[in-house]
């Protein structure tokens, strides 16, 4: 006879647990919390969001921005290359 596994009365179901993990992941980095706090004040322009800083290390932020831009360009190049073959 199989016994059915039940969760303790106060335990979260799987879906809720996954949602909480995703939520806490957003708040796991101080720079993300700073950006969220800026955006929570209402709609902002790019300058206001950039002023919050990505890492808090001023020398590293431009390097990260360049890396992100290169990644976007590389992805676009691969998409175009695949499209030309089709």
N, C-alpha and C. Protein backbone atom coordinates (compact mmCIF):
# COMPACT_ATOMS: atom_id res chain seq x y z
N UNK A 1 0.83 -1.17 0.00
CA UNK A 1 0.00 0.00 0.00
C UNK A 1 0.88 1.25 0.00
N UNK A 2 0.62 2.14 -0.94
CA UNK A 2 1.38 3.37 -1.03
C UNK A 2 0.82 4.39 -0.06
N UNK A 3 1.72 5.06 0.58
CA UNK A 3 1.28 6.16 1.44
C UNK A 3 1.42 7.45 0.67
N UNK A 4 0.44 8.24 0.77
CA UNK A 4 0.46 9.52 0.06
C UNK A 4 1.25 10.53 0.87
N UNK A 5 2.19 11.16 0.19
CA UNK A 5 3.02 12.16 0.85
C UNK A 5 2.26 13.47 0.93
N UNK A 6 2.11 13.97 2.11
CA UNK A 6 1.43 15.25 2.31
C UNK A 6 2.41 16.24 2.89
N UNK A 7 2.17 17.47 2.59
CA UNK A 7 3.06 18.49 3.12
C UNK A 7 2.55 18.95 4.48
N UNK A 8 3.44 19.45 5.30
CA UNK A 8 3.02 19.96 6.60
C UNK A 8 1.98 21.07 6.42
N UNK A 9 1.13 21.29 7.40
CA UNK A 9 0.01 22.23 7.23
C UNK A 9 0.42 23.66 6.86
N UNK A 10 1.58 24.12 7.29
CA UNK A 10 1.99 25.50 7.01
C UNK A 10 2.99 25.61 5.87
N UNK A 11 3.32 24.52 5.22
CA UNK A 11 4.31 24.54 4.14
C UNK A 11 3.70 25.13 2.87
N UNK A 12 4.54 25.80 2.10
CA UNK A 12 4.09 26.40 0.84
C UNK A 12 3.94 25.34 -0.23
N UNK A 13 3.00 25.57 -1.14
CA UNK A 13 2.91 24.69 -2.30
C UNK A 13 4.05 25.04 -3.25
N UNK A 14 4.31 24.17 -4.21
CA UNK A 14 5.45 24.32 -5.12
C UNK A 14 5.41 25.63 -5.91
N UNK A 15 4.26 25.98 -6.42
CA UNK A 15 4.13 27.19 -7.24
C UNK A 15 4.45 28.44 -6.43
N UNK A 16 3.92 28.52 -5.22
CA UNK A 16 4.19 29.68 -4.36
C UNK A 16 5.66 29.74 -3.97
N UNK A 17 6.25 28.58 -3.69
CA UNK A 17 7.67 28.54 -3.34
C UNK A 17 8.53 29.06 -4.47
N UNK A 18 8.22 28.65 -5.70
CA UNK A 18 8.99 29.10 -6.87
C UNK A 18 8.83 30.61 -7.05
N UNK A 19 7.62 31.13 -6.87
CA UNK A 19 7.39 32.57 -7.01
C UNK A 19 8.19 33.35 -5.96
N UNK A 20 8.24 32.84 -4.75
CA UNK A 20 9.01 33.53 -3.69
C UNK A 20 10.50 33.50 -3.99
N UNK A 21 10.99 32.39 -4.51
CA UNK A 21 12.41 32.31 -4.88
C UNK A 21 12.73 33.36 -5.93
N UNK A 22 11.86 33.48 -6.94
CA UNK A 22 12.08 34.48 -7.99
C UNK A 22 12.03 35.89 -7.42
N UNK A 23 11.10 36.14 -6.51
CA UNK A 23 11.00 37.46 -5.89
C UNK A 23 12.25 37.79 -5.09
N UNK A 24 12.69 36.86 -4.25
CA UNK A 24 13.87 37.12 -3.44
C UNK A 24 15.13 37.23 -4.29
N UNK A 25 15.16 36.55 -5.43
CA UNK A 25 16.29 36.66 -6.34
C UNK A 25 16.42 38.10 -6.85
N UNK A 26 15.29 38.74 -7.10
CA UNK A 26 15.31 40.13 -7.56
C UNK A 26 15.94 41.03 -6.50
N UNK A 27 15.67 40.74 -5.24
CA UNK A 27 16.18 41.58 -4.15
C UNK A 27 17.52 41.10 -3.60
N UNK A 28 18.17 40.16 -4.27
CA UNK A 28 19.40 39.59 -3.74
C UNK A 28 20.64 40.44 -4.00
N UNK A 29 20.50 41.51 -4.76
CA UNK A 29 21.64 42.34 -5.10
C UNK A 29 21.31 43.80 -4.75
N UNK A 30 22.19 44.48 -4.02
CA UNK A 30 21.91 45.87 -3.62
C UNK A 30 21.65 46.80 -4.80
N UNK A 31 22.32 46.57 -5.93
CA UNK A 31 22.10 47.46 -7.07
C UNK A 31 20.68 47.28 -7.62
N UNK A 32 20.17 46.06 -7.59
CA UNK A 32 18.80 45.84 -8.03
C UNK A 32 17.81 46.54 -7.11
N UNK A 33 18.08 46.48 -5.82
CA UNK A 33 17.19 47.14 -4.86
C UNK A 33 17.20 48.65 -5.09
N UNK A 34 18.39 49.22 -5.37
CA UNK A 34 18.47 50.66 -5.67
C UNK A 34 17.66 51.00 -6.91
N UNK A 35 17.79 50.19 -7.97
CA UNK A 35 17.04 50.45 -9.19
C UNK A 35 15.53 50.34 -8.95
N UNK A 36 15.12 49.34 -8.20
CA UNK A 36 13.70 49.18 -7.90
C UNK A 36 13.19 50.37 -7.10
N UNK A 37 14.01 50.87 -6.17
CA UNK A 37 13.57 52.02 -5.38
C UNK A 37 13.42 53.27 -6.23
N UNK A 38 14.28 53.43 -7.22
CA UNK A 38 14.16 54.57 -8.14
C UNK A 38 12.88 54.44 -8.97
N UNK A 39 12.64 53.24 -9.49
CA UNK A 39 11.47 53.02 -10.34
C UNK A 39 10.17 53.03 -9.54
N UNK A 40 10.23 52.72 -8.25
CA UNK A 40 9.03 52.72 -7.41
C UNK A 40 8.49 54.13 -7.21
N UNK A 41 9.35 55.13 -7.38
CA UNK A 41 8.92 56.53 -7.22
C UNK A 41 8.07 56.99 -8.39
N UNK A 42 8.01 56.20 -9.44
CA UNK A 42 7.23 56.57 -10.61
C UNK A 42 8.07 56.45 -11.86
N UNK A 43 7.48 56.82 -12.97
CA UNK A 43 8.17 56.75 -14.25
C UNK A 43 9.39 57.66 -14.22
N UNK A 44 10.52 57.14 -14.69
CA UNK A 44 11.78 57.89 -14.65
C UNK A 44 12.41 57.89 -16.03
N UNK A 45 13.24 58.91 -16.27
CA UNK A 45 14.00 58.90 -17.52
C UNK A 45 15.26 58.06 -17.34
N UNK A 46 15.93 57.81 -18.44
CA UNK A 46 17.11 56.94 -18.40
C UNK A 46 18.19 57.52 -17.50
N UNK A 47 18.33 58.83 -17.48
CA UNK A 47 19.35 59.46 -16.65
C UNK A 47 19.15 59.19 -15.17
N UNK A 48 17.90 59.23 -14.73
CA UNK A 48 17.61 58.97 -13.31
C UNK A 48 17.92 57.52 -12.96
N UNK A 49 17.58 56.63 -13.86
CA UNK A 49 17.85 55.21 -13.60
C UNK A 49 19.36 54.96 -13.62
N UNK A 50 20.04 55.57 -14.56
CA UNK A 50 21.50 55.40 -14.65
C UNK A 50 22.19 55.98 -13.43
N UNK A 51 21.62 57.04 -12.86
CA UNK A 51 22.23 57.65 -11.68
C UNK A 51 22.22 56.69 -10.49
N UNK A 52 21.27 55.77 -10.48
CA UNK A 52 21.23 54.78 -9.40
C UNK A 52 22.43 53.85 -9.48
N UNK A 53 23.00 53.72 -10.67
CA UNK A 53 24.20 52.90 -10.84
C UNK A 53 23.88 51.43 -10.93
N UNK A 54 24.63 50.76 -11.75
CA UNK A 54 24.44 49.32 -11.90
C UNK A 54 25.11 48.55 -10.77
N UNK A 55 26.35 48.89 -10.49
CA UNK A 55 27.11 48.14 -9.49
C UNK A 55 27.48 48.99 -8.29
N UNK A 56 27.44 50.29 -8.45
CA UNK A 56 27.94 51.15 -7.39
C UNK A 56 29.43 51.44 -7.56
N UNK A 57 30.08 50.70 -8.43
CA UNK A 57 31.49 50.94 -8.73
C UNK A 57 31.54 51.72 -10.03
N UNK A 58 31.84 52.99 -9.95
CA UNK A 58 31.75 53.85 -11.12
C UNK A 58 32.64 53.41 -12.27
N UNK A 59 33.77 52.81 -11.99
CA UNK A 59 34.67 52.37 -13.06
C UNK A 59 34.13 51.13 -13.76
N UNK A 60 33.26 50.35 -13.10
CA UNK A 60 32.79 49.11 -13.68
C UNK A 60 31.50 49.29 -14.49
N UNK A 61 30.69 50.27 -14.17
CA UNK A 61 29.42 50.46 -14.85
C UNK A 61 29.55 50.62 -16.37
N UNK A 62 30.46 51.46 -16.87
CA UNK A 62 30.59 51.58 -18.34
C UNK A 62 31.04 50.28 -19.00
N UNK A 63 31.87 49.51 -18.31
CA UNK A 63 32.33 48.24 -18.86
C UNK A 63 31.16 47.27 -18.98
N UNK A 64 30.30 47.25 -17.97
CA UNK A 64 29.12 46.39 -18.03
C UNK A 64 28.18 46.84 -19.14
N UNK A 65 28.00 48.14 -19.29
CA UNK A 65 27.13 48.67 -20.34
C UNK A 65 27.67 48.28 -21.72
N UNK A 66 28.97 48.35 -21.91
CA UNK A 66 29.57 47.97 -23.18
C UNK A 66 29.39 46.47 -23.42
N UNK A 67 29.58 45.67 -22.38
CA UNK A 67 29.42 44.22 -22.52
C UNK A 67 27.98 43.86 -22.90
N UNK A 68 27.02 44.52 -22.30
CA UNK A 68 25.62 44.28 -22.62
C UNK A 68 25.34 44.67 -24.07
N UNK A 69 25.86 45.83 -24.50
CA UNK A 69 25.65 46.28 -25.88
C UNK A 69 26.27 45.30 -26.87
N UNK A 70 27.47 44.82 -26.59
CA UNK A 70 28.11 43.85 -27.47
C UNK A 70 27.30 42.56 -27.54
N UNK A 71 26.78 42.14 -26.41
CA UNK A 71 25.95 40.93 -26.39
C UNK A 71 24.70 41.11 -27.24
N UNK A 72 24.07 42.26 -27.17
CA UNK A 72 22.88 42.53 -27.98
C UNK A 72 23.24 42.54 -29.46
N UNK A 73 24.34 43.19 -29.81
CA UNK A 73 24.76 43.22 -31.21
C UNK A 73 25.12 41.83 -31.72
N UNK A 74 25.79 41.03 -30.90
CA UNK A 74 26.16 39.68 -31.30
C UNK A 74 24.90 38.83 -31.52
N UNK A 75 23.92 38.97 -30.65
CA UNK A 75 22.66 38.23 -30.81
C UNK A 75 21.96 38.64 -32.09
N UNK A 76 21.94 39.93 -32.38
CA UNK A 76 21.31 40.41 -33.61
C UNK A 76 22.05 39.88 -34.84
N UNK A 77 23.36 39.86 -34.80
CA UNK A 77 24.16 39.34 -35.91
C UNK A 77 23.83 37.87 -36.17
N UNK A 78 23.75 37.08 -35.09
CA UNK A 78 23.43 35.66 -35.26
C UNK A 78 22.03 35.47 -35.83
N UNK A 79 21.07 36.30 -35.40
CA UNK A 79 19.72 36.20 -35.94
C UNK A 79 19.70 36.52 -37.43
N UNK A 80 20.42 37.57 -37.82
CA UNK A 80 20.46 37.93 -39.23
C UNK A 80 21.17 36.87 -40.06
N UNK A 81 22.22 36.31 -39.55
CA UNK A 81 22.96 35.28 -40.26
C UNK A 81 22.07 34.05 -40.49
N UNK A 82 21.31 33.66 -39.49
CA UNK A 82 20.41 32.52 -39.62
C UNK A 82 19.32 32.84 -40.64
N UNK A 83 18.81 34.06 -40.59
CA UNK A 83 17.73 34.45 -41.51
C UNK A 83 18.20 34.44 -42.95
N UNK A 84 19.42 34.85 -43.21
CA UNK A 84 19.95 34.86 -44.58
C UNK A 84 20.05 33.46 -45.16
N UNK A 85 20.33 32.49 -44.30
CA UNK A 85 20.47 31.11 -44.75
C UNK A 85 19.12 30.50 -45.12
N UNK A 86 18.07 31.00 -44.53
CA UNK A 86 16.74 30.41 -44.76
C UNK A 86 16.14 30.86 -46.04
